[in-house]
Amino acid sequence: MVKSTKTQRLREKTRADVKHSQQTTLDALPERHNPELDKTSMPEQKKVIKITEIRAIIREAELILKVGFRLLPSRTYFSRVTSDLYFDEQKIASLRLRILQGPLATEAAEFSSFLDVTGISKGQHVIRVEMYELWSSEEKLTSTSEEVTIEYIPLRREDRLVKVPTVKSSTGANLAIISDNEKNIYREIEKEMKRESVSRRDEW
């Protein structure tokens, strides 16, 4: 039997160390990354409209209604939002808000409505704001509403009393407000575009 030399023993020890190191490394490998699992495990971001403020400023014969809101998770998820205004549970206006996009736009926005309250009776009145997205099927999505109670004291008595005020005008910050007349124009444009599209298909 040939006696192993010191060099041979050193080589055998090195081979054993390398083998053990490779085995340990392979056993400790992390599980393979699966992007499909990440997609299913990530929660879907839910679209939310949050009304943050309803402020009523009463003047002699005018009520200024300021409505602040946030669009979550980002305003880029929204294109158009509708806001209905109610005075003592009677609908007085429906505003279509076109949400402007851009790098300088923020998720927080506001709009103001100027109401003519000439002839409104003295006492408490409830103003409610409802905001939502409206699909072509007239289905309301991401709907939310908030209300505020105001104490109205007219400075002078009017000969004729009315139940609800009229909306004189509306303005918005970082958004565009579309009036009823503009809505009708947009509807006519959309109808005309659809007719042209159908006509082109027929020609093909």
N, C-alpha and C. Protein backbone atom coordinates (compact mmCIF):
# COMPACT_ATOMS: atom_id res chain seq x y z
N MET A 1 0.86 -1.20 0.00
CA MET A 1 0.00 0.00 0.00
C MET A 1 0.88 1.23 0.00
N VAL A 2 0.62 2.09 -0.99
CA VAL A 2 1.43 3.29 -1.14
C VAL A 2 0.95 4.34 -0.16
N LYS A 3 1.90 4.85 0.59
CA LYS A 3 1.52 5.89 1.57
C LYS A 3 1.30 7.20 0.83
N SER A 4 0.15 7.87 1.12
CA SER A 4 -0.15 9.14 0.45
C SER A 4 0.75 10.23 0.95
N THR A 5 1.18 11.03 0.03
CA THR A 5 2.04 12.15 0.37
C THR A 5 1.24 13.29 0.93
N LYS A 6 1.95 14.25 1.46
CA LYS A 6 1.30 15.44 2.02
C LYS A 6 0.56 16.22 0.95
N THR A 7 1.13 16.27 -0.26
CA THR A 7 0.49 17.00 -1.38
C THR A 7 -0.81 16.34 -1.78
N GLN A 8 -0.82 14.98 -1.84
CA GLN A 8 -2.04 14.27 -2.21
C GLN A 8 -3.14 14.50 -1.19
N ARG A 9 -2.75 14.45 0.11
CA ARG A 9 -3.76 14.69 1.14
C ARG A 9 -4.36 16.10 1.03
N LEU A 10 -3.52 17.05 0.68
CA LEU A 10 -3.99 18.43 0.54
C LEU A 10 -4.96 18.57 -0.64
N ARG A 11 -4.64 17.85 -1.73
CA ARG A 11 -5.52 17.89 -2.90
C ARG A 11 -6.89 17.27 -2.59
N GLU A 12 -6.86 16.12 -1.90
CA GLU A 12 -8.13 15.47 -1.55
C GLU A 12 -8.97 16.35 -0.63
N LYS A 13 -8.32 16.99 0.30
CA LYS A 13 -9.07 17.89 1.21
C LYS A 13 -9.68 19.05 0.42
N THR A 14 -8.94 19.60 -0.54
CA THR A 14 -9.44 20.72 -1.35
C THR A 14 -10.65 20.29 -2.17
N ARG A 15 -10.56 19.05 -2.79
CA ARG A 15 -11.71 18.55 -3.57
C ARG A 15 -12.95 18.39 -2.70
N ALA A 16 -12.77 17.88 -1.49
CA ALA A 16 -13.89 17.68 -0.56
C ALA A 16 -14.51 19.01 -0.17
N ASP A 17 -13.66 20.02 0.06
CA ASP A 17 -14.17 21.36 0.43
C ASP A 17 -14.96 21.98 -0.71
N VAL A 18 -14.45 21.86 -1.95
CA VAL A 18 -15.14 22.43 -3.11
C VAL A 18 -16.48 21.75 -3.34
N LYS A 19 -16.49 20.40 -3.21
CA LYS A 19 -17.73 19.64 -3.40
C LYS A 19 -18.79 20.04 -2.38
N HIS A 20 -18.33 20.16 -1.13
CA HIS A 20 -19.26 20.56 -0.06
C HIS A 20 -19.78 21.98 -0.29
N SER A 21 -18.91 22.88 -0.77
CA SER A 21 -19.31 24.26 -1.02
C SER A 21 -20.34 24.34 -2.13
N GLN A 22 -20.14 23.56 -3.23
CA GLN A 22 -21.10 23.56 -4.34
C GLN A 22 -22.45 23.01 -3.92
N GLN A 23 -22.43 21.95 -3.10
CA GLN A 23 -23.68 21.37 -2.64
C GLN A 23 -24.46 22.35 -1.79
N THR A 24 -23.74 23.05 -0.89
CA THR A 24 -24.40 24.04 -0.02
C THR A 24 -24.98 25.18 -0.83
N THR A 25 -24.23 25.62 -1.85
CA THR A 25 -24.70 26.73 -2.69
C THR A 25 -25.95 26.36 -3.46
N LEU A 26 -25.98 25.16 -4.03
CA LEU A 26 -27.15 24.72 -4.79
C LEU A 26 -28.37 24.57 -3.90
N ASP A 27 -28.16 24.06 -2.66
CA ASP A 27 -29.28 23.89 -1.74
C ASP A 27 -29.85 25.22 -1.31
N ALA A 28 -29.01 26.26 -1.29
CA ALA A 28 -29.45 27.55 -0.79
C ALA A 28 -29.98 28.47 -1.87
N LEU A 29 -30.10 27.97 -3.14
CA LEU A 29 -30.59 28.84 -4.22
C LEU A 29 -32.01 29.28 -3.94
N PRO A 30 -32.34 30.59 -4.18
CA PRO A 30 -33.72 31.05 -3.98
C PRO A 30 -34.63 30.51 -5.06
N GLU A 31 -35.93 30.51 -4.78
CA GLU A 31 -36.90 30.05 -5.76
C GLU A 31 -36.89 30.97 -6.96
N ARG A 32 -37.13 30.38 -8.13
CA ARG A 32 -37.12 31.15 -9.36
C ARG A 32 -38.23 32.20 -9.35
N HIS A 33 -37.90 33.44 -9.76
CA HIS A 33 -38.86 34.55 -9.77
C HIS A 33 -39.93 34.34 -10.83
N ASN A 34 -41.16 34.40 -10.45
CA ASN A 34 -42.27 34.21 -11.38
C ASN A 34 -43.09 35.50 -11.45
N PRO A 35 -42.95 36.28 -12.55
CA PRO A 35 -43.70 37.54 -12.64
C PRO A 35 -45.21 37.36 -12.65
N GLU A 36 -45.69 36.18 -13.13
CA GLU A 36 -47.13 35.94 -13.16
C GLU A 36 -47.70 35.90 -11.75
N LEU A 37 -46.92 35.31 -10.80
CA LEU A 37 -47.38 35.27 -9.41
C LEU A 37 -47.46 36.66 -8.83
N ASP A 38 -46.50 37.53 -9.22
CA ASP A 38 -46.51 38.90 -8.73
C ASP A 38 -47.77 39.62 -9.18
N LYS A 39 -48.17 39.37 -10.43
CA LYS A 39 -49.36 40.05 -10.97
C LYS A 39 -50.61 39.67 -10.19
N THR A 40 -50.69 38.38 -9.85
CA THR A 40 -51.90 37.93 -9.16
C THR A 40 -51.90 38.34 -7.70
N SER A 41 -50.70 38.46 -7.11
CA SER A 41 -50.63 38.80 -5.70
C SER A 41 -50.77 40.30 -5.44
N MET A 42 -50.45 41.13 -6.47
CA MET A 42 -50.54 42.58 -6.28
C MET A 42 -52.00 43.01 -6.26
N PRO A 43 -52.44 43.76 -5.26
CA PRO A 43 -53.83 44.21 -5.22
C PRO A 43 -54.10 45.25 -6.30
N GLU A 44 -55.26 45.16 -6.92
CA GLU A 44 -55.64 46.11 -7.97
C GLU A 44 -55.99 47.46 -7.34
N GLN A 45 -55.45 48.53 -7.92
CA GLN A 45 -55.71 49.87 -7.39
C GLN A 45 -57.14 50.28 -7.73
N LYS A 46 -57.91 50.59 -6.72
CA LYS A 46 -59.31 50.94 -6.90
C LYS A 46 -59.47 52.44 -7.13
N LYS A 47 -60.29 52.79 -8.12
CA LYS A 47 -60.54 54.20 -8.41
C LYS A 47 -61.52 54.76 -7.38
N VAL A 48 -61.18 55.93 -6.85
CA VAL A 48 -62.01 56.54 -5.81
C VAL A 48 -62.09 58.05 -6.07
N ILE A 49 -63.29 58.59 -5.93
CA ILE A 49 -63.49 60.04 -5.91
C ILE A 49 -63.80 60.42 -4.47
N LYS A 50 -63.01 61.28 -3.89
CA LYS A 50 -63.18 61.67 -2.50
C LYS A 50 -63.46 63.15 -2.40
N ILE A 51 -64.64 63.51 -1.90
CA ILE A 51 -64.98 64.92 -1.68
C ILE A 51 -64.34 65.35 -0.36
N THR A 52 -63.44 66.31 -0.44
CA THR A 52 -62.68 66.73 0.74
C THR A 52 -63.26 67.95 1.43
N GLU A 53 -64.08 68.73 0.72
CA GLU A 53 -64.61 69.97 1.31
C GLU A 53 -65.85 70.44 0.56
N ILE A 54 -66.83 70.89 1.32
CA ILE A 54 -67.97 71.62 0.76
C ILE A 54 -68.11 72.88 1.59
N ARG A 55 -67.89 74.02 0.96
CA ARG A 55 -67.94 75.28 1.70
C ARG A 55 -68.95 76.21 1.03
N ALA A 56 -69.86 76.75 1.84
CA ALA A 56 -70.89 77.66 1.33
C ALA A 56 -70.64 79.06 1.87
N ILE A 57 -70.52 80.01 0.96
CA ILE A 57 -70.32 81.41 1.32
C ILE A 57 -71.58 82.17 0.89
N ILE A 58 -72.26 82.75 1.88
CA ILE A 58 -73.54 83.42 1.60
C ILE A 58 -73.33 84.92 1.52
N ARG A 59 -73.81 85.51 0.43
CA ARG A 59 -73.81 86.95 0.27
C ARG A 59 -75.25 87.44 0.22
N GLU A 60 -75.45 88.66 -0.19
CA GLU A 60 -76.79 89.26 -0.14
C GLU A 60 -77.83 88.41 -0.87
N ALA A 61 -77.59 88.14 -2.12
CA ALA A 61 -78.55 87.32 -2.89
C ALA A 61 -77.82 86.26 -3.69
N GLU A 62 -76.67 85.86 -3.18
CA GLU A 62 -75.85 84.89 -3.89
C GLU A 62 -75.20 83.93 -2.90
N LEU A 63 -75.15 82.68 -3.30
CA LEU A 63 -74.48 81.66 -2.50
C LEU A 63 -73.36 81.06 -3.36
N ILE A 64 -72.14 81.13 -2.85
CA ILE A 64 -71.00 80.56 -3.56
C ILE A 64 -70.68 79.21 -2.94
N LEU A 65 -70.76 78.17 -3.74
CA LEU A 65 -70.52 76.82 -3.26
C LEU A 65 -69.17 76.34 -3.79
N LYS A 66 -68.23 76.08 -2.89
CA LYS A 66 -66.90 75.60 -3.27
C LYS A 66 -66.79 74.12 -2.88
N VAL A 67 -66.43 73.31 -3.84
CA VAL A 67 -66.32 71.87 -3.63
C VAL A 67 -64.90 71.43 -3.96
N GLY A 68 -64.21 70.88 -2.96
CA GLY A 68 -62.88 70.32 -3.16
C GLY A 68 -62.96 68.81 -3.22
N PHE A 69 -62.14 68.19 -4.06
CA PHE A 69 -62.17 66.74 -4.19
C PHE A 69 -60.80 66.22 -4.62
N ARG A 70 -60.61 64.91 -4.43
CA ARG A 70 -59.39 64.23 -4.84
C ARG A 70 -59.76 63.02 -5.70
N LEU A 71 -58.91 62.73 -6.68
CA LEU A 71 -59.11 61.59 -7.55
C LEU A 71 -57.98 60.59 -7.27
N LEU A 72 -58.34 59.41 -6.78
CA LEU A 72 -57.36 58.41 -6.38
C LEU A 72 -57.50 57.15 -7.23
N PRO A 73 -56.41 56.43 -7.52
CA PRO A 73 -55.04 56.68 -7.07
C PRO A 73 -54.36 57.82 -7.79
N SER A 74 -54.89 58.25 -8.96
CA SER A 74 -54.31 59.36 -9.69
C SER A 74 -55.36 59.92 -10.63
N ARG A 75 -55.27 61.23 -10.92
CA ARG A 75 -56.22 61.83 -11.85
C ARG A 75 -56.06 61.26 -13.25
N THR A 76 -54.92 60.63 -13.57
CA THR A 76 -54.73 60.05 -14.89
C THR A 76 -55.66 58.86 -15.13
N TYR A 77 -56.26 58.34 -14.06
CA TYR A 77 -57.22 57.24 -14.20
C TYR A 77 -58.60 57.76 -14.63
N PHE A 78 -58.78 59.08 -14.64
CA PHE A 78 -60.07 59.68 -14.91
C PHE A 78 -59.98 60.58 -16.14
N SER A 79 -61.06 60.70 -16.87
CA SER A 79 -61.13 61.65 -17.98
C SER A 79 -62.26 62.63 -17.77
N ARG A 80 -63.45 62.11 -17.42
CA ARG A 80 -64.59 62.98 -17.17
C ARG A 80 -65.30 62.54 -15.89
N VAL A 81 -65.72 63.52 -15.13
CA VAL A 81 -66.45 63.28 -13.89
C VAL A 81 -67.69 64.17 -13.90
N THR A 82 -68.81 63.64 -13.45
CA THR A 82 -70.05 64.42 -13.37
C THR A 82 -70.35 64.75 -11.91
N SER A 83 -70.82 65.97 -11.68
CA SER A 83 -71.21 66.38 -10.33
C SER A 83 -72.64 66.91 -10.36
N ASP A 84 -73.50 66.33 -9.54
CA ASP A 84 -74.87 66.78 -9.40
C ASP A 84 -75.01 67.57 -8.11
N LEU A 85 -75.67 68.72 -8.17
CA LEU A 85 -75.90 69.55 -7.00
C LEU A 85 -77.37 69.49 -6.62
N TYR A 86 -77.62 69.26 -5.32
CA TYR A 86 -78.99 69.18 -4.81
C TYR A 86 -79.19 70.23 -3.72
N PHE A 87 -80.35 70.87 -3.76
CA PHE A 87 -80.73 71.85 -2.74
C PHE A 87 -82.03 71.37 -2.12
N ASP A 88 -81.97 70.98 -0.84
CA ASP A 88 -83.14 70.40 -0.16
C ASP A 88 -83.72 69.24 -0.97
N GLU A 89 -82.81 68.35 -1.40
CA GLU A 89 -83.15 67.11 -2.12
C GLU A 89 -83.72 67.35 -3.51
N GLN A 90 -83.64 68.57 -4.02
CA GLN A 90 -84.06 68.83 -5.38
C GLN A 90 -82.83 69.15 -6.22
N LYS A 91 -82.70 68.45 -7.34
CA LYS A 91 -81.54 68.63 -8.20
C LYS A 91 -81.60 69.99 -8.89
N ILE A 92 -80.52 70.76 -8.76
CA ILE A 92 -80.52 72.10 -9.36
C ILE A 92 -79.48 72.23 -10.47
N ALA A 93 -78.51 71.33 -10.55
CA ALA A 93 -77.50 71.43 -11.60
C ALA A 93 -76.78 70.11 -11.77
N SER A 94 -76.29 69.88 -12.99
CA SER A 94 -75.46 68.73 -13.29
C SER A 94 -74.26 69.24 -14.09
N LEU A 95 -73.10 69.15 -13.50
CA LEU A 95 -71.89 69.68 -14.12
C LEU A 95 -71.02 68.54 -14.60
N ARG A 96 -70.54 68.66 -15.82
CA ARG A 96 -69.64 67.66 -16.37
C ARG A 96 -68.23 68.22 -16.31
N LEU A 97 -67.37 67.57 -15.54
CA LEU A 97 -66.02 68.07 -15.32
C LEU A 97 -65.04 67.27 -16.18
N ARG A 98 -64.39 67.95 -17.09
CA ARG A 98 -63.37 67.30 -17.90
C ARG A 98 -62.04 67.45 -17.18
N ILE A 99 -61.47 66.34 -16.72
CA ILE A 99 -60.26 66.38 -15.92
C ILE A 99 -59.05 66.59 -16.82
N LEU A 100 -58.38 67.70 -16.63
CA LEU A 100 -57.21 68.01 -17.44
C LEU A 100 -56.02 67.20 -16.97
N GLN A 101 -55.24 66.70 -17.93
CA GLN A 101 -54.06 65.90 -17.62
C GLN A 101 -52.80 66.75 -17.83
N GLY A 102 -51.67 66.24 -17.36
CA GLY A 102 -50.43 66.95 -17.56
C GLY A 102 -49.51 66.79 -16.37
N PRO A 103 -48.22 67.07 -16.56
CA PRO A 103 -47.25 66.88 -15.48
C PRO A 103 -47.46 67.82 -14.30
N LEU A 104 -48.07 68.97 -14.53
CA LEU A 104 -48.28 69.93 -13.45
C LEU A 104 -49.61 69.72 -12.72
N ALA A 105 -50.44 68.82 -13.23
CA ALA A 105 -51.74 68.58 -12.61
C ALA A 105 -51.57 67.77 -11.33
N THR A 106 -52.41 68.09 -10.34
CA THR A 106 -52.38 67.37 -9.06
C THR A 106 -53.65 66.54 -8.91
N GLU A 107 -53.63 65.62 -7.93
CA GLU A 107 -54.81 64.79 -7.69
C GLU A 107 -55.93 65.59 -7.02
N ALA A 108 -55.59 66.70 -6.39
CA ALA A 108 -56.59 67.54 -5.71
C ALA A 108 -57.07 68.63 -6.66
N ALA A 109 -58.37 68.89 -6.65
CA ALA A 109 -58.96 69.92 -7.50
C ALA A 109 -60.19 70.48 -6.80
N GLU A 110 -60.75 71.53 -7.37
CA GLU A 110 -61.98 72.10 -6.82
C GLU A 110 -62.75 72.81 -7.92
N PHE A 111 -64.04 73.00 -7.68
CA PHE A 111 -64.85 73.82 -8.57
C PHE A 111 -65.81 74.64 -7.72
N SER A 112 -66.29 75.72 -8.30
CA SER A 112 -67.20 76.62 -7.58
C SER A 112 -68.46 76.84 -8.41
N SER A 113 -69.58 76.91 -7.74
CA SER A 113 -70.85 77.24 -8.38
C SER A 113 -71.45 78.46 -7.70
N PHE A 114 -71.95 79.38 -8.50
CA PHE A 114 -72.54 80.61 -7.99
C PHE A 114 -74.06 80.51 -8.14
N LEU A 115 -74.75 80.49 -6.99
CA LEU A 115 -76.19 80.28 -6.98
C LEU A 115 -76.92 81.58 -6.67
N ASP A 116 -77.97 81.83 -7.43
CA ASP A 116 -78.84 82.97 -7.16
C ASP A 116 -79.89 82.53 -6.14
N VAL A 117 -79.82 83.05 -4.92
CA VAL A 117 -80.74 82.64 -3.85
C VAL A 117 -81.83 83.68 -3.60
N THR A 118 -82.05 84.54 -4.57
CA THR A 118 -83.12 85.53 -4.43
C THR A 118 -84.47 84.83 -4.27
N GLY A 119 -85.17 85.12 -3.18
CA GLY A 119 -86.49 84.53 -2.95
C GLY A 119 -86.47 83.24 -2.15
N ILE A 120 -85.28 82.76 -1.74
CA ILE A 120 -85.19 81.54 -0.92
C ILE A 120 -85.64 81.88 0.50
N SER A 121 -86.42 80.99 1.09
CA SER A 121 -86.97 81.24 2.42
C SER A 121 -85.90 81.18 3.50
N LYS A 122 -86.13 81.86 4.58
CA LYS A 122 -85.22 81.88 5.71
C LYS A 122 -85.22 80.51 6.41
N GLY A 123 -84.06 80.10 6.92
CA GLY A 123 -83.99 78.85 7.67
C GLY A 123 -82.85 77.97 7.22
N GLN A 124 -82.89 76.71 7.68
CA GLN A 124 -81.83 75.77 7.34
C GLN A 124 -82.14 75.08 6.01
N HIS A 125 -81.09 74.91 5.22
CA HIS A 125 -81.21 74.23 3.93
C HIS A 125 -80.04 73.27 3.77
N VAL A 126 -80.31 72.15 3.13
CA VAL A 126 -79.29 71.11 2.94
C VAL A 126 -78.82 71.13 1.49
N ILE A 127 -77.51 71.25 1.33
CA ILE A 127 -76.90 71.19 0.00
C ILE A 127 -76.12 69.89 -0.09
N ARG A 128 -76.41 69.11 -1.11
CA ARG A 128 -75.72 67.84 -1.30
C ARG A 128 -74.99 67.83 -2.64
N VAL A 129 -73.79 67.28 -2.62
CA VAL A 129 -72.97 67.16 -3.83
C VAL A 129 -72.73 65.69 -4.09
N GLU A 130 -73.09 65.24 -5.27
CA GLU A 130 -72.84 63.85 -5.68
C GLU A 130 -71.88 63.87 -6.87
N MET A 131 -70.82 63.06 -6.81
CA MET A 131 -69.84 62.99 -7.89
C MET A 131 -69.68 61.55 -8.34
N TYR A 132 -69.51 61.35 -9.65
CA TYR A 132 -69.41 60.00 -10.19
C TYR A 132 -68.90 60.07 -11.63
N GLU A 133 -68.51 58.89 -12.13
CA GLU A 133 -68.23 58.72 -13.56
C GLU A 133 -69.48 58.15 -14.20
N LEU A 134 -69.80 58.63 -15.39
CA LEU A 134 -71.00 58.17 -16.07
C LEU A 134 -70.63 57.47 -17.37
N TRP A 135 -70.99 56.17 -17.46
CA TRP A 135 -70.74 55.41 -18.67
C TRP A 135 -71.81 55.72 -19.71
N SER A 136 -71.55 55.29 -20.93
CA SER A 136 -72.52 55.52 -22.01
C SER A 136 -73.85 54.82 -21.74
N SER A 137 -73.80 53.77 -20.91
CA SER A 137 -75.03 53.05 -20.54
C SER A 137 -75.78 53.74 -19.40
N GLU A 138 -75.33 54.96 -19.04
CA GLU A 138 -75.91 55.75 -17.95
C GLU A 138 -75.66 55.12 -16.58
N GLU A 139 -74.74 54.15 -16.52
CA GLU A 139 -74.38 53.55 -15.23
C GLU A 139 -73.41 54.46 -14.50
N LYS A 140 -73.66 54.67 -13.20
CA LYS A 140 -72.80 55.52 -12.39
C LYS A 140 -71.73 54.68 -11.72
N LEU A 141 -70.48 55.07 -11.93
CA LEU A 141 -69.35 54.35 -11.33
C LEU A 141 -68.60 55.28 -10.38
N THR A 142 -67.89 54.69 -9.43
CA THR A 142 -67.09 55.42 -8.43
C THR A 142 -67.89 56.56 -7.82
N SER A 143 -69.14 56.30 -7.49
CA SER A 143 -70.03 57.34 -6.98
C SER A 143 -69.76 57.65 -5.51
N THR A 144 -69.85 58.94 -5.18
CA THR A 144 -69.71 59.38 -3.79
C THR A 144 -70.53 60.64 -3.60
N SER A 145 -70.90 60.93 -2.36
CA SER A 145 -71.69 62.14 -2.09
C SER A 145 -71.40 62.65 -0.68
N GLU A 146 -71.53 63.95 -0.53
CA GLU A 146 -71.38 64.62 0.76
C GLU A 146 -72.40 65.75 0.81
N GLU A 147 -72.79 66.15 2.03
CA GLU A 147 -73.75 67.24 2.15
C GLU A 147 -73.37 68.18 3.29
N VAL A 148 -73.91 69.37 3.22
CA VAL A 148 -73.67 70.38 4.24
C VAL A 148 -74.98 71.13 4.49
N THR A 149 -75.21 71.51 5.74
CA THR A 149 -76.42 72.26 6.11
C THR A 149 -76.03 73.72 6.34
N ILE A 150 -76.79 74.61 5.70
CA ILE A 150 -76.51 76.04 5.84
C ILE A 150 -77.70 76.73 6.52
N GLU A 151 -77.41 77.81 7.19
CA GLU A 151 -78.44 78.66 7.80
C GLU A 151 -78.54 79.92 6.96
N TYR A 152 -79.65 80.05 6.23
CA TYR A 152 -79.80 81.19 5.32
C TYR A 152 -80.72 82.24 5.94
N ILE A 153 -80.20 83.45 6.02
CA ILE A 153 -80.99 84.58 6.51
C ILE A 153 -80.96 85.66 5.44
N PRO A 154 -82.03 85.84 4.70
CA PRO A 154 -82.04 86.87 3.66
C PRO A 154 -81.95 88.27 4.27
N LEU A 155 -81.23 89.12 3.57
CA LEU A 155 -81.08 90.49 4.07
C LEU A 155 -82.32 91.33 3.80
N ARG A 156 -83.07 90.97 2.81
CA ARG A 156 -84.32 91.69 2.53
C ARG A 156 -85.38 90.68 2.10
N ARG A 157 -86.61 91.02 2.41
CA ARG A 157 -87.73 90.12 2.10
C ARG A 157 -88.11 90.27 0.63
N GLU A 158 -88.28 89.13 -0.04
CA GLU A 158 -88.69 89.14 -1.44
C GLU A 158 -90.19 88.90 -1.53
N ASP A 159 -90.78 89.53 -2.53
CA ASP A 159 -92.22 89.36 -2.73
C ASP A 159 -92.55 87.93 -3.18
N ARG A 160 -91.65 87.34 -3.90
CA ARG A 160 -91.90 86.00 -4.43
C ARG A 160 -90.90 85.03 -3.84
N LEU A 161 -91.40 83.96 -3.22
CA LEU A 161 -90.54 82.94 -2.64
C LEU A 161 -90.35 81.80 -3.64
N VAL A 162 -89.14 81.24 -3.68
CA VAL A 162 -88.85 80.10 -4.55
C VAL A 162 -88.30 78.97 -3.69
N LYS A 163 -88.43 77.75 -4.19
CA LYS A 163 -88.00 76.59 -3.41
C LYS A 163 -86.51 76.31 -3.56
N VAL A 164 -86.00 76.49 -4.77
CA VAL A 164 -84.58 76.19 -5.00
C VAL A 164 -83.93 77.35 -5.76
N PRO A 165 -82.64 77.55 -5.58
CA PRO A 165 -81.93 78.61 -6.30
C PRO A 165 -81.62 78.20 -7.73
N THR A 166 -81.16 79.14 -8.52
CA THR A 166 -80.70 78.86 -9.87
C THR A 166 -79.18 79.03 -9.92
N VAL A 167 -78.53 78.22 -10.74
CA VAL A 167 -77.08 78.30 -10.88
C VAL A 167 -76.75 79.36 -11.92
N LYS A 168 -76.02 80.39 -11.49
CA LYS A 168 -75.64 81.46 -12.40
C LYS A 168 -74.43 81.08 -13.24
N SER A 169 -73.42 80.49 -12.62
CA SER A 169 -72.21 80.08 -13.35
C SER A 169 -71.41 79.12 -12.49
N SER A 170 -70.44 78.47 -13.13
CA SER A 170 -69.54 77.54 -12.44
C SER A 170 -68.14 77.71 -12.98
N THR A 171 -67.17 77.59 -12.09
CA THR A 171 -65.77 77.67 -12.50
C THR A 171 -65.01 76.55 -11.83
N GLY A 172 -63.84 76.22 -12.39
CA GLY A 172 -63.05 75.13 -11.81
C GLY A 172 -61.57 75.43 -11.84
N ALA A 173 -60.85 74.83 -10.92
CA ALA A 173 -59.39 74.92 -10.87
C ALA A 173 -58.81 73.61 -11.38
N ASN A 174 -57.95 73.70 -12.40
CA ASN A 174 -57.30 72.52 -12.99
C ASN A 174 -58.30 71.57 -13.65
N LEU A 175 -59.45 72.11 -14.07
CA LEU A 175 -60.40 71.29 -14.79
C LEU A 175 -61.27 72.19 -15.65
N ALA A 176 -62.00 71.58 -16.56
CA ALA A 176 -62.89 72.33 -17.43
C ALA A 176 -64.32 71.91 -17.16
N ILE A 177 -65.20 72.89 -16.98
CA ILE A 177 -66.61 72.61 -16.69
C ILE A 177 -67.42 72.80 -17.96
N ILE A 178 -68.17 71.79 -18.30
CA ILE A 178 -68.94 71.81 -19.53
C ILE A 178 -70.40 72.11 -19.20
N SER A 179 -70.94 73.14 -19.82
CA SER A 179 -72.32 73.53 -19.56
C SER A 179 -73.28 72.62 -20.31
N ASP A 180 -74.59 72.79 -20.04
CA ASP A 180 -75.61 71.98 -20.72
C ASP A 180 -75.58 72.22 -22.23
N ASN A 181 -75.38 73.49 -22.64
CA ASN A 181 -75.33 73.78 -24.08
C ASN A 181 -74.14 73.09 -24.73
N GLU A 182 -73.00 73.11 -24.03
CA GLU A 182 -71.81 72.44 -24.56
C GLU A 182 -72.01 70.94 -24.63
N LYS A 183 -72.73 70.37 -23.63
CA LYS A 183 -73.03 68.94 -23.66
C LYS A 183 -73.80 68.58 -24.92
N ASN A 184 -74.80 69.40 -25.26
CA ASN A 184 -75.61 69.13 -26.45
C ASN A 184 -74.77 69.21 -27.72
N ILE A 185 -73.84 70.17 -27.74
CA ILE A 185 -72.95 70.30 -28.91
C ILE A 185 -72.08 69.06 -29.04
N TYR A 186 -71.52 68.61 -27.90
CA TYR A 186 -70.68 67.41 -27.93
C TYR A 186 -71.48 66.18 -28.39
N ARG A 187 -72.72 66.08 -27.92
CA ARG A 187 -73.56 64.96 -28.34
C ARG A 187 -73.78 64.96 -29.86
N GLU A 188 -74.06 66.17 -30.41
CA GLU A 188 -74.28 66.28 -31.85
C GLU A 188 -73.02 65.93 -32.62
N ILE A 189 -71.86 66.37 -32.12
CA ILE A 189 -70.59 66.04 -32.78
C ILE A 189 -70.35 64.54 -32.77
N GLU A 190 -70.62 63.89 -31.60
CA GLU A 190 -70.43 62.45 -31.50
C GLU A 190 -71.36 61.70 -32.46
N LYS A 191 -72.61 62.16 -32.56
CA LYS A 191 -73.56 61.51 -33.46
C LYS A 191 -73.11 61.65 -34.91
N GLU A 192 -72.61 62.85 -35.27
CA GLU A 192 -72.16 63.09 -36.63
C GLU A 192 -70.94 62.22 -36.96
N MET A 193 -70.03 62.08 -35.98
CA MET A 193 -68.85 61.24 -36.20
C MET A 193 -69.24 59.78 -36.39
N LYS A 194 -70.23 59.32 -35.60
CA LYS A 194 -70.70 57.94 -35.75
C LYS A 194 -71.33 57.73 -37.12
N ARG A 195 -72.13 58.72 -37.59
CA ARG A 195 -72.77 58.59 -38.91
C ARG A 195 -71.72 58.53 -40.02
N GLU A 196 -70.67 59.36 -39.89
CA GLU A 196 -69.60 59.35 -40.88
C GLU A 196 -68.86 58.03 -40.88
N SER A 197 -68.64 57.47 -39.68
CA SER A 197 -67.94 56.19 -39.57
C SER A 197 -68.75 55.07 -40.23
N VAL A 198 -70.06 55.06 -40.00
CA VAL A 198 -70.92 54.05 -40.61
C VAL A 198 -70.94 54.21 -42.10
N SER A 199 -70.98 55.46 -42.58
CA SER A 199 -71.02 55.73 -44.01
C SER A 199 -69.74 55.23 -44.69
N ARG A 200 -68.60 55.44 -44.03
CA ARG A 200 -67.33 54.97 -44.61
C ARG A 200 -67.28 53.46 -44.72
N ARG A 201 -67.79 52.78 -43.65
CA ARG A 201 -67.81 51.31 -43.67
C ARG A 201 -68.67 50.80 -44.82
N ASP A 202 -69.81 51.48 -45.05
CA ASP A 202 -70.69 51.07 -46.15
C ASP A 202 -70.02 51.21 -47.51
N GLU A 203 -69.20 52.28 -47.65
CA GLU A 203 -68.51 52.51 -48.92
C GLU A 203 -67.46 51.45 -49.18
N TRP A 204 -66.81 50.95 -48.11
CA TRP A 204 -65.82 49.88 -48.26
C TRP A 204 -66.49 48.58 -48.73
